[in-house]
Amino acid sequence: MSVRILALVGSLRAGSHNRQLAEAAAKHAPEGVEIELFAGLADVPFYNEDIDVEGSVPAAAARLREAAGQADGFLLFSPEYNGTIPAVLKNAIDWLSRPYGAGALSGKPAAVVGTAFGQFGGVWAQDEARKALGIAGGTVLEDAKLSIPGSVTRFAETHPADDAEVVTGLTQVLKQLTASTSTAAA
């Protein structure tokens, strides 16, 4: 049986180091773990309860919910924008938190990792993402962390998939997430 992890990347930039980090996670996922990098967060409208009506949910939001519903767990990749979580990632969490108490995140394990240019690797944003995920109903793995500082210089000539230290950190987070999906399913 395969474990399905939905990866949500908080940076929309084509050359995003967080997108590259997600690609590295997919490339180095343990056997039996499938990581789906969700494409389309840029198309999901800002959450508005007026448009979250059964039968007429915007198509991009419906695709996000469908992908999340099929996932066994979540791995979020968050850069840090002005000391906090990117709006696109927070918006995805908002959509996945509804309907209240029965959203696609409810009871499923989730971890947050990321990289940023600063000296702390985006820890503030990642902590905010964990907070939002927990409030939204996800089972946040507080100990499954990976914050990589200095992304602009560290990944200037090396893809995260080719950085042994990064691969080791990602592998550890994926093992924790995978073990938690087995516990959640039991």
N, C-alpha and C. Protein backbone atom coordinates (compact mmCIF):
# COMPACT_ATOMS: atom_id res chain seq x y z
N MET A 1 0.84 -1.19 0.00
CA MET A 1 0.00 0.00 0.00
C MET A 1 0.88 1.24 0.00
N SER A 2 0.58 2.15 -0.87
CA SER A 2 1.34 3.38 -1.03
C SER A 2 0.76 4.49 -0.16
N VAL A 3 1.64 5.33 0.36
CA VAL A 3 1.24 6.51 1.13
C VAL A 3 1.28 7.71 0.21
N ARG A 4 0.19 8.46 0.17
CA ARG A 4 0.10 9.65 -0.69
C ARG A 4 0.25 10.92 0.15
N ILE A 5 1.26 11.70 -0.19
CA ILE A 5 1.52 12.96 0.49
C ILE A 5 1.27 14.09 -0.50
N LEU A 6 0.44 15.04 -0.11
CA LEU A 6 0.20 16.21 -0.95
C LEU A 6 1.15 17.31 -0.51
N ALA A 7 1.96 17.79 -1.45
CA ALA A 7 2.91 18.86 -1.18
C ALA A 7 2.34 20.18 -1.67
N LEU A 8 2.31 21.17 -0.79
CA LEU A 8 1.85 22.51 -1.13
C LEU A 8 3.03 23.46 -0.96
N VAL A 9 3.35 24.19 -2.02
CA VAL A 9 4.50 25.08 -2.02
C VAL A 9 4.02 26.53 -1.94
N GLY A 10 4.53 27.25 -0.95
CA GLY A 10 4.09 28.61 -0.69
C GLY A 10 4.71 29.68 -1.56
N SER A 11 5.55 29.31 -2.48
CA SER A 11 6.15 30.28 -3.41
C SER A 11 5.67 29.97 -4.82
N LEU A 12 5.23 30.99 -5.52
CA LEU A 12 4.73 30.82 -6.88
C LEU A 12 5.81 31.06 -7.93
N ARG A 13 6.96 31.56 -7.52
CA ARG A 13 8.05 31.89 -8.45
C ARG A 13 8.57 30.66 -9.16
N ALA A 14 8.77 30.76 -10.45
CA ALA A 14 9.21 29.62 -11.28
C ALA A 14 10.51 29.00 -10.74
N GLY A 15 11.46 29.81 -10.32
CA GLY A 15 12.74 29.30 -9.84
C GLY A 15 12.80 29.17 -8.33
N SER A 16 11.66 29.04 -7.68
CA SER A 16 11.57 29.00 -6.23
C SER A 16 12.43 27.89 -5.63
N HIS A 17 13.20 28.24 -4.62
CA HIS A 17 14.00 27.24 -3.91
C HIS A 17 13.09 26.30 -3.12
N ASN A 18 11.94 26.79 -2.68
CA ASN A 18 11.00 25.91 -1.98
C ASN A 18 10.36 24.92 -2.94
N ARG A 19 10.12 25.33 -4.16
CA ARG A 19 9.61 24.38 -5.17
C ARG A 19 10.70 23.33 -5.44
N GLN A 20 11.95 23.77 -5.53
CA GLN A 20 13.05 22.82 -5.73
C GLN A 20 13.18 21.87 -4.54
N LEU A 21 12.92 22.39 -3.35
CA LEU A 21 12.96 21.54 -2.16
C LEU A 21 11.85 20.48 -2.23
N ALA A 22 10.67 20.88 -2.72
CA ALA A 22 9.57 19.93 -2.90
C ALA A 22 9.93 18.88 -3.95
N GLU A 23 10.58 19.32 -5.02
CA GLU A 23 11.04 18.37 -6.05
C GLU A 23 12.04 17.38 -5.45
N ALA A 24 12.90 17.88 -4.58
CA ALA A 24 13.88 17.00 -3.92
C ALA A 24 13.17 15.98 -3.04
N ALA A 25 12.14 16.41 -2.34
CA ALA A 25 11.38 15.48 -1.49
C ALA A 25 10.74 14.40 -2.35
N ALA A 26 10.17 14.78 -3.49
CA ALA A 26 9.54 13.80 -4.39
C ALA A 26 10.58 12.83 -4.93
N LYS A 27 11.75 13.35 -5.29
CA LYS A 27 12.80 12.51 -5.86
C LYS A 27 13.35 11.51 -4.84
N HIS A 28 13.46 11.94 -3.60
CA HIS A 28 14.09 11.10 -2.57
C HIS A 28 13.08 10.49 -1.60
N ALA A 29 11.82 10.45 -1.98
CA ALA A 29 10.80 9.86 -1.11
C ALA A 29 11.09 8.38 -0.88
N PRO A 30 10.87 7.93 0.32
CA PRO A 30 11.09 6.50 0.60
C PRO A 30 10.18 5.63 -0.28
N GLU A 31 10.60 4.39 -0.46
CA GLU A 31 9.80 3.46 -1.24
C GLU A 31 8.40 3.35 -0.63
N GLY A 32 7.39 3.36 -1.48
CA GLY A 32 6.02 3.27 -1.01
C GLY A 32 5.39 4.61 -0.66
N VAL A 33 6.14 5.69 -0.88
CA VAL A 33 5.62 7.04 -0.61
C VAL A 33 5.55 7.81 -1.92
N GLU A 34 4.39 8.29 -2.23
CA GLU A 34 4.17 9.09 -3.44
C GLU A 34 3.90 10.53 -3.01
N ILE A 35 4.69 11.45 -3.55
CA ILE A 35 4.49 12.86 -3.23
C ILE A 35 3.95 13.56 -4.47
N GLU A 36 2.78 14.17 -4.31
CA GLU A 36 2.16 14.93 -5.39
C GLU A 36 2.38 16.41 -5.12
N LEU A 37 3.09 17.07 -6.02
CA LEU A 37 3.26 18.52 -5.92
C LEU A 37 2.03 19.16 -6.54
N PHE A 38 1.23 19.78 -5.71
CA PHE A 38 0.00 20.39 -6.21
C PHE A 38 0.36 21.60 -7.07
N ALA A 39 -0.13 21.60 -8.29
CA ALA A 39 0.05 22.73 -9.19
C ALA A 39 -1.28 23.47 -9.26
N GLY A 40 -1.27 24.75 -9.09
CA GLY A 40 -2.51 25.49 -9.22
C GLY A 40 -2.89 26.35 -8.03
N LEU A 41 -2.02 26.49 -7.02
CA LEU A 41 -2.37 27.34 -5.89
C LEU A 41 -2.60 28.79 -6.32
N ALA A 42 -1.91 29.22 -7.37
CA ALA A 42 -2.07 30.59 -7.85
C ALA A 42 -3.48 30.84 -8.39
N ASP A 43 -4.17 29.77 -8.79
CA ASP A 43 -5.50 29.91 -9.37
C ASP A 43 -6.62 29.85 -8.34
N VAL A 44 -6.31 29.48 -7.11
CA VAL A 44 -7.33 29.36 -6.08
C VAL A 44 -7.67 30.76 -5.57
N PRO A 45 -8.95 31.17 -5.68
CA PRO A 45 -9.31 32.52 -5.22
C PRO A 45 -9.19 32.62 -3.70
N PHE A 46 -9.04 33.84 -3.21
CA PHE A 46 -9.00 34.02 -1.76
C PHE A 46 -10.27 33.46 -1.16
N TYR A 47 -10.11 32.81 -0.01
CA TYR A 47 -11.27 32.18 0.62
C TYR A 47 -12.32 33.24 0.94
N ASN A 48 -13.55 32.90 0.59
CA ASN A 48 -14.70 33.78 0.84
C ASN A 48 -15.89 32.85 1.01
N GLU A 49 -16.49 32.86 2.17
CA GLU A 49 -17.60 31.97 2.45
C GLU A 49 -18.76 32.15 1.47
N ASP A 50 -18.87 33.33 0.88
CA ASP A 50 -19.95 33.57 -0.08
C ASP A 50 -19.79 32.74 -1.35
N ILE A 51 -18.54 32.38 -1.69
CA ILE A 51 -18.33 31.58 -2.91
C ILE A 51 -18.08 30.10 -2.60
N ASP A 52 -18.02 29.78 -1.31
CA ASP A 52 -17.84 28.40 -0.89
C ASP A 52 -19.22 27.76 -0.67
N VAL A 53 -19.91 27.59 -1.77
CA VAL A 53 -21.28 27.08 -1.75
C VAL A 53 -21.31 25.75 -2.49
N GLU A 54 -21.87 24.72 -1.84
CA GLU A 54 -21.93 23.40 -2.45
C GLU A 54 -22.54 23.49 -3.85
N GLY A 55 -21.83 22.87 -4.79
CA GLY A 55 -22.29 22.87 -6.17
C GLY A 55 -21.73 24.01 -7.01
N SER A 56 -21.15 25.02 -6.37
CA SER A 56 -20.58 26.13 -7.15
C SER A 56 -19.25 26.63 -6.59
N VAL A 57 -18.52 25.73 -5.91
CA VAL A 57 -17.18 26.06 -5.42
C VAL A 57 -16.30 26.33 -6.64
N PRO A 58 -15.49 27.39 -6.62
CA PRO A 58 -14.60 27.64 -7.77
C PRO A 58 -13.78 26.39 -8.12
N ALA A 59 -13.62 26.16 -9.41
CA ALA A 59 -12.97 24.94 -9.91
C ALA A 59 -11.58 24.71 -9.29
N ALA A 60 -10.77 25.75 -9.17
CA ALA A 60 -9.42 25.59 -8.63
C ALA A 60 -9.47 25.16 -7.16
N ALA A 61 -10.40 25.70 -6.41
CA ALA A 61 -10.55 25.32 -5.00
C ALA A 61 -11.06 23.88 -4.90
N ALA A 62 -11.96 23.52 -5.79
CA ALA A 62 -12.49 22.14 -5.80
C ALA A 62 -11.37 21.15 -6.12
N ARG A 63 -10.47 21.50 -7.07
CA ARG A 63 -9.35 20.62 -7.40
C ARG A 63 -8.42 20.45 -6.20
N LEU A 64 -8.18 21.55 -5.48
CA LEU A 64 -7.34 21.49 -4.29
C LEU A 64 -7.96 20.58 -3.25
N ARG A 65 -9.24 20.75 -3.00
CA ARG A 65 -9.93 19.91 -2.02
C ARG A 65 -9.93 18.44 -2.44
N GLU A 66 -10.10 18.18 -3.72
CA GLU A 66 -10.11 16.80 -4.21
C GLU A 66 -8.74 16.15 -4.00
N ALA A 67 -7.68 16.87 -4.36
CA ALA A 67 -6.32 16.34 -4.18
C ALA A 67 -6.04 16.11 -2.69
N ALA A 68 -6.48 17.03 -1.85
CA ALA A 68 -6.26 16.89 -0.41
C ALA A 68 -7.08 15.73 0.16
N GLY A 69 -8.26 15.53 -0.37
CA GLY A 69 -9.10 14.44 0.09
C GLY A 69 -8.50 13.08 -0.21
N GLN A 70 -7.72 12.99 -1.27
CA GLN A 70 -7.08 11.73 -1.66
C GLN A 70 -5.74 11.51 -0.96
N ALA A 71 -5.26 12.54 -0.26
CA ALA A 71 -3.95 12.45 0.40
C ALA A 71 -4.06 11.79 1.77
N ASP A 72 -2.99 11.11 2.13
CA ASP A 72 -2.89 10.53 3.47
C ASP A 72 -2.25 11.50 4.45
N GLY A 73 -1.53 12.47 3.91
CA GLY A 73 -0.85 13.46 4.74
C GLY A 73 -0.41 14.63 3.89
N PHE A 74 0.14 15.64 4.55
CA PHE A 74 0.51 16.89 3.88
C PHE A 74 1.92 17.31 4.26
N LEU A 75 2.63 17.84 3.26
CA LEU A 75 3.94 18.41 3.48
C LEU A 75 3.94 19.79 2.86
N LEU A 76 4.03 20.81 3.70
CA LEU A 76 4.01 22.19 3.23
C LEU A 76 5.42 22.73 3.18
N PHE A 77 5.70 23.49 2.13
CA PHE A 77 7.00 24.11 1.92
C PHE A 77 6.80 25.62 1.99
N SER A 78 7.34 26.24 3.02
CA SER A 78 7.07 27.65 3.22
C SER A 78 8.32 28.51 3.24
N PRO A 79 8.37 29.47 2.32
CA PRO A 79 9.37 30.53 2.46
C PRO A 79 8.84 31.49 3.51
N GLU A 80 9.57 32.56 3.76
CA GLU A 80 9.12 33.55 4.73
C GLU A 80 8.98 34.89 4.04
N TYR A 81 7.77 35.42 4.05
CA TYR A 81 7.49 36.72 3.43
C TYR A 81 7.19 37.72 4.54
N ASN A 82 8.08 38.68 4.71
CA ASN A 82 7.92 39.70 5.74
C ASN A 82 7.66 39.10 7.11
N GLY A 83 8.39 38.04 7.42
CA GLY A 83 8.32 37.43 8.74
C GLY A 83 7.16 36.48 8.96
N THR A 84 6.41 36.17 7.91
CA THR A 84 5.27 35.28 8.12
C THR A 84 5.00 34.40 6.90
N ILE A 85 3.91 33.66 6.97
CA ILE A 85 3.52 32.69 5.95
C ILE A 85 3.05 33.41 4.67
N PRO A 86 3.39 32.90 3.50
CA PRO A 86 2.90 33.48 2.25
C PRO A 86 1.37 33.36 2.15
N ALA A 87 0.74 34.36 1.60
CA ALA A 87 -0.72 34.39 1.49
C ALA A 87 -1.27 33.19 0.74
N VAL A 88 -0.59 32.74 -0.30
CA VAL A 88 -1.08 31.62 -1.10
C VAL A 88 -1.16 30.33 -0.27
N LEU A 89 -0.24 30.14 0.64
CA LEU A 89 -0.24 28.95 1.49
C LEU A 89 -1.34 29.06 2.55
N LYS A 90 -1.46 30.22 3.14
CA LYS A 90 -2.53 30.45 4.14
C LYS A 90 -3.89 30.27 3.48
N ASN A 91 -4.05 30.75 2.26
CA ASN A 91 -5.31 30.62 1.54
C ASN A 91 -5.65 29.14 1.30
N ALA A 92 -4.65 28.35 0.94
CA ALA A 92 -4.87 26.92 0.73
C ALA A 92 -5.35 26.27 2.03
N ILE A 93 -4.72 26.62 3.14
CA ILE A 93 -5.13 26.08 4.44
C ILE A 93 -6.57 26.49 4.74
N ASP A 94 -6.93 27.74 4.44
CA ASP A 94 -8.30 28.20 4.68
C ASP A 94 -9.31 27.38 3.89
N TRP A 95 -9.06 27.16 2.61
CA TRP A 95 -9.97 26.36 1.78
C TRP A 95 -10.07 24.94 2.31
N LEU A 96 -8.94 24.36 2.73
CA LEU A 96 -8.93 22.97 3.18
C LEU A 96 -9.49 22.79 4.59
N SER A 97 -9.71 23.89 5.30
CA SER A 97 -10.28 23.82 6.64
C SER A 97 -11.80 23.70 6.62
N ARG A 98 -12.40 23.91 5.47
CA ARG A 98 -13.86 23.90 5.35
C ARG A 98 -14.34 22.68 4.62
N PRO A 99 -15.53 22.19 4.84
CA PRO A 99 -16.48 22.70 5.83
C PRO A 99 -15.95 22.50 7.26
N TYR A 100 -16.30 23.41 8.12
CA TYR A 100 -15.79 23.43 9.49
C TYR A 100 -15.96 22.07 10.14
N GLY A 101 -14.86 21.55 10.67
CA GLY A 101 -14.88 20.27 11.36
C GLY A 101 -14.77 19.06 10.46
N ALA A 102 -14.91 19.26 9.15
CA ALA A 102 -14.86 18.12 8.22
C ALA A 102 -14.04 18.44 6.98
N GLY A 103 -13.12 19.40 7.11
CA GLY A 103 -12.27 19.77 5.97
C GLY A 103 -11.30 18.66 5.62
N ALA A 104 -10.68 18.79 4.48
CA ALA A 104 -9.76 17.77 3.98
C ALA A 104 -8.51 17.58 4.86
N LEU A 105 -8.21 18.55 5.71
CA LEU A 105 -7.06 18.43 6.61
C LEU A 105 -7.38 17.65 7.88
N SER A 106 -8.64 17.56 8.21
CA SER A 106 -9.08 17.02 9.50
C SER A 106 -8.48 15.66 9.82
N GLY A 107 -7.70 15.64 10.91
CA GLY A 107 -7.15 14.40 11.41
C GLY A 107 -5.99 13.82 10.62
N LYS A 108 -5.58 14.50 9.57
CA LYS A 108 -4.47 13.97 8.76
C LYS A 108 -3.15 14.61 9.20
N PRO A 109 -2.08 13.82 9.20
CA PRO A 109 -0.79 14.35 9.60
C PRO A 109 -0.25 15.38 8.60
N ALA A 110 0.43 16.37 9.15
CA ALA A 110 1.00 17.44 8.32
C ALA A 110 2.33 17.90 8.92
N ALA A 111 3.26 18.19 8.02
CA ALA A 111 4.55 18.72 8.43
C ALA A 111 4.86 19.94 7.58
N VAL A 112 5.70 20.82 8.13
CA VAL A 112 6.07 22.05 7.42
C VAL A 112 7.59 22.15 7.41
N VAL A 113 8.13 22.39 6.23
CA VAL A 113 9.57 22.59 6.05
C VAL A 113 9.76 23.80 5.13
N GLY A 114 10.99 24.18 4.92
CA GLY A 114 11.22 25.25 3.96
C GLY A 114 12.61 25.83 4.03
N THR A 115 12.80 26.76 3.11
CA THR A 115 14.07 27.46 3.03
C THR A 115 13.80 28.93 2.75
N ALA A 116 14.68 29.77 3.24
CA ALA A 116 14.55 31.22 3.01
C ALA A 116 15.95 31.83 2.99
N PHE A 117 16.02 33.03 2.49
CA PHE A 117 17.31 33.70 2.37
C PHE A 117 17.92 34.04 3.72
N GLY A 118 17.11 34.37 4.71
CA GLY A 118 17.60 34.80 6.01
C GLY A 118 18.36 33.74 6.77
N GLN A 119 18.91 34.15 7.90
CA GLN A 119 19.77 33.28 8.69
C GLN A 119 19.03 32.19 9.47
N PHE A 120 17.70 32.26 9.51
CA PHE A 120 16.95 31.25 10.25
C PHE A 120 16.14 30.32 9.34
N GLY A 121 16.19 30.52 8.04
CA GLY A 121 15.57 29.59 7.10
C GLY A 121 14.06 29.62 7.05
N GLY A 122 13.44 30.69 7.54
CA GLY A 122 11.99 30.81 7.47
C GLY A 122 11.24 30.22 8.65
N VAL A 123 11.90 30.09 9.80
CA VAL A 123 11.26 29.46 10.95
C VAL A 123 9.98 30.16 11.39
N TRP A 124 9.94 31.47 11.34
CA TRP A 124 8.72 32.18 11.77
C TRP A 124 7.55 31.78 10.88
N ALA A 125 7.76 31.79 9.60
CA ALA A 125 6.69 31.43 8.66
C ALA A 125 6.27 29.98 8.87
N GLN A 126 7.23 29.12 9.06
CA GLN A 126 6.91 27.70 9.24
C GLN A 126 6.15 27.49 10.55
N ASP A 127 6.50 28.22 11.59
CA ASP A 127 5.74 28.13 12.84
C ASP A 127 4.31 28.62 12.65
N GLU A 128 4.14 29.70 11.89
CA GLU A 128 2.79 30.22 11.60
C GLU A 128 1.99 29.20 10.78
N ALA A 129 2.63 28.54 9.83
CA ALA A 129 1.95 27.53 9.03
C ALA A 129 1.51 26.36 9.91
N ARG A 130 2.36 25.94 10.84
CA ARG A 130 2.00 24.86 11.75
C ARG A 130 0.80 25.26 12.60
N LYS A 131 0.82 26.49 13.07
CA LYS A 131 -0.29 27.00 13.90
C LYS A 131 -1.60 26.96 13.10
N ALA A 132 -1.57 27.49 11.88
CA ALA A 132 -2.78 27.52 11.04
C ALA A 132 -3.26 26.10 10.71
N LEU A 133 -2.34 25.20 10.40
CA LEU A 133 -2.70 23.81 10.10
C LEU A 133 -3.39 23.14 11.28
N GLY A 134 -2.87 23.36 12.47
CA GLY A 134 -3.45 22.76 13.67
C GLY A 134 -4.85 23.29 13.94
N ILE A 135 -5.02 24.58 13.82
CA ILE A 135 -6.34 25.18 14.03
C ILE A 135 -7.32 24.69 12.96
N ALA A 136 -6.81 24.45 11.75
CA ALA A 136 -7.65 23.99 10.64
C ALA A 136 -8.02 22.51 10.75
N GLY A 137 -7.47 21.81 11.73
CA GLY A 137 -7.85 20.42 11.93
C GLY A 137 -6.79 19.39 11.62
N GLY A 138 -5.66 19.83 11.06
CA GLY A 138 -4.59 18.89 10.75
C GLY A 138 -3.89 18.41 12.01
N THR A 139 -3.27 17.26 11.92
CA THR A 139 -2.46 16.73 13.02
C THR A 139 -1.02 17.12 12.72
N VAL A 140 -0.59 18.19 13.33
CA VAL A 140 0.72 18.77 13.02
C VAL A 140 1.83 18.01 13.73
N LEU A 141 2.83 17.62 12.96
CA LEU A 141 4.00 16.95 13.52
C LEU A 141 4.99 18.04 13.94
N GLU A 142 4.92 18.42 15.18
CA GLU A 142 5.72 19.54 15.69
C GLU A 142 7.22 19.25 15.64
N ASP A 143 7.60 17.98 15.70
CA ASP A 143 9.03 17.63 15.70
C ASP A 143 9.59 17.38 14.31
N ALA A 144 8.74 17.34 13.30
CA ALA A 144 9.20 17.11 11.93
C ALA A 144 9.48 18.47 11.29
N LYS A 145 10.72 18.91 11.42
CA LYS A 145 11.08 20.25 10.97
C LYS A 145 12.34 20.23 10.12
N LEU A 146 12.40 21.18 9.19
CA LEU A 146 13.60 21.40 8.41
C LEU A 146 13.56 22.84 7.92
N SER A 147 14.42 23.67 8.48
CA SER A 147 14.52 25.08 8.08
C SER A 147 15.93 25.31 7.56
N ILE A 148 16.02 25.67 6.29
CA ILE A 148 17.32 25.81 5.65
C ILE A 148 17.60 27.29 5.38
N PRO A 149 18.57 27.87 6.06
CA PRO A 149 18.90 29.28 5.86
C PRO A 149 19.75 29.51 4.62
N GLY A 150 19.83 30.79 4.22
CA GLY A 150 20.73 31.19 3.15
C GLY A 150 20.43 30.59 1.79
N SER A 151 19.17 30.45 1.46
CA SER A 151 18.77 29.74 0.23
C SER A 151 19.40 30.32 -1.03
N VAL A 152 19.50 31.63 -1.09
CA VAL A 152 19.99 32.27 -2.32
C VAL A 152 21.43 31.86 -2.61
N THR A 153 22.25 31.79 -1.58
CA THR A 153 23.64 31.39 -1.81
C THR A 153 23.80 29.87 -1.79
N ARG A 154 23.10 29.21 -0.86
CA ARG A 154 23.24 27.75 -0.73
C ARG A 154 22.81 27.02 -2.01
N PHE A 155 21.74 27.50 -2.63
CA PHE A 155 21.21 26.82 -3.81
C PHE A 155 21.49 27.58 -5.11
N ALA A 156 22.49 28.45 -5.07
CA ALA A 156 22.85 29.21 -6.28
C ALA A 156 23.32 28.28 -7.39
N GLU A 157 24.10 27.27 -7.02
CA GLU A 157 24.64 26.36 -8.03
C GLU A 157 24.31 24.90 -7.75
N THR A 158 23.58 24.65 -6.67
CA THR A 158 23.25 23.28 -6.29
C THR A 158 21.75 23.16 -6.08
N HIS A 159 21.14 22.20 -6.74
CA HIS A 159 19.72 21.92 -6.52
C HIS A 159 19.61 21.23 -5.16
N PRO A 160 18.57 21.53 -4.37
CA PRO A 160 18.43 20.86 -3.07
C PRO A 160 18.47 19.32 -3.15
N ALA A 161 18.05 18.76 -4.28
CA ALA A 161 18.08 17.30 -4.44
C ALA A 161 19.50 16.75 -4.47
N ASP A 162 20.48 17.63 -4.70
CA ASP A 162 21.88 17.21 -4.78
C ASP A 162 22.68 17.63 -3.55
N ASP A 163 22.00 18.12 -2.52
CA ASP A 163 22.64 18.56 -1.29
C ASP A 163 22.40 17.47 -0.24
N ALA A 164 23.45 16.74 0.12
CA ALA A 164 23.33 15.57 1.01
C ALA A 164 22.67 15.91 2.34
N GLU A 165 23.04 17.04 2.92
CA GLU A 165 22.45 17.43 4.21
C GLU A 165 20.94 17.68 4.08
N VAL A 166 20.54 18.32 3.00
CA VAL A 166 19.13 18.59 2.75
C VAL A 166 18.37 17.28 2.53
N VAL A 167 18.93 16.41 1.72
CA VAL A 167 18.29 15.12 1.45
C VAL A 167 18.11 14.33 2.74
N THR A 168 19.11 14.33 3.61
CA THR A 168 19.01 13.64 4.89
C THR A 168 17.88 14.23 5.74
N GLY A 169 17.80 15.55 5.79
CA GLY A 169 16.74 16.22 6.55
C GLY A 169 15.36 15.93 6.00
N LEU A 170 15.22 16.00 4.68
CA LEU A 170 13.93 15.71 4.04
C LEU A 170 13.52 14.26 4.28
N THR A 171 14.47 13.36 4.15
CA THR A 171 14.19 11.93 4.36
C THR A 171 13.68 11.69 5.77
N GLN A 172 14.28 12.34 6.74
CA GLN A 172 13.86 12.19 8.14
C GLN A 172 12.42 12.69 8.32
N VAL A 173 12.11 13.86 7.77
CA VAL A 173 10.75 14.41 7.86
C VAL A 173 9.75 13.47 7.18
N LEU A 174 10.11 12.96 6.01
CA LEU A 174 9.22 12.05 5.29
C LEU A 174 8.98 10.76 6.06
N LYS A 175 10.00 10.25 6.73
CA LYS A 175 9.84 9.03 7.54
C LYS A 175 8.86 9.30 8.69
N GLN A 176 9.00 10.46 9.33
CA GLN A 176 8.10 10.81 10.43
C GLN A 176 6.67 10.96 9.91
N LEU A 177 6.52 11.63 8.78
CA LEU A 177 5.20 11.85 8.19
C LEU A 177 4.57 10.53 7.78
N THR A 178 5.35 9.67 7.16
CA THR A 178 4.85 8.36 6.72
C THR A 178 4.42 7.52 7.92
N ALA A 179 5.21 7.51 8.97
CA ALA A 179 4.86 6.75 10.18
C ALA A 179 3.56 7.29 10.77
N SER A 180 3.36 8.59 10.72
CA SER A 180 2.15 9.20 11.26
C SER A 180 0.92 8.90 10.43
N THR A 181 1.11 8.72 9.11
CA THR A 181 -0.04 8.39 8.28
C THR A 181 -0.53 6.98 8.61
N SER A 182 0.39 6.09 8.94
CA SER A 182 0.02 4.73 9.32
C SER A 182 -0.76 4.75 10.64
N THR A 183 -0.33 5.60 11.57
CA THR A 183 -1.00 5.72 12.86
C THR A 183 -2.39 6.32 12.68
N ALA A 184 -2.50 7.34 11.82
CA ALA A 184 -3.79 8.00 11.58
C ALA A 184 -4.79 7.07 10.92
N ALA A 185 -4.30 6.18 10.07
CA ALA A 185 -5.18 5.26 9.35
C ALA A 185 -5.66 4.11 10.24
N ALA A 186 -4.91 3.83 11.31
CA ALA A 186 -5.25 2.69 12.20
C ALA A 186 -6.47 2.96 13.06
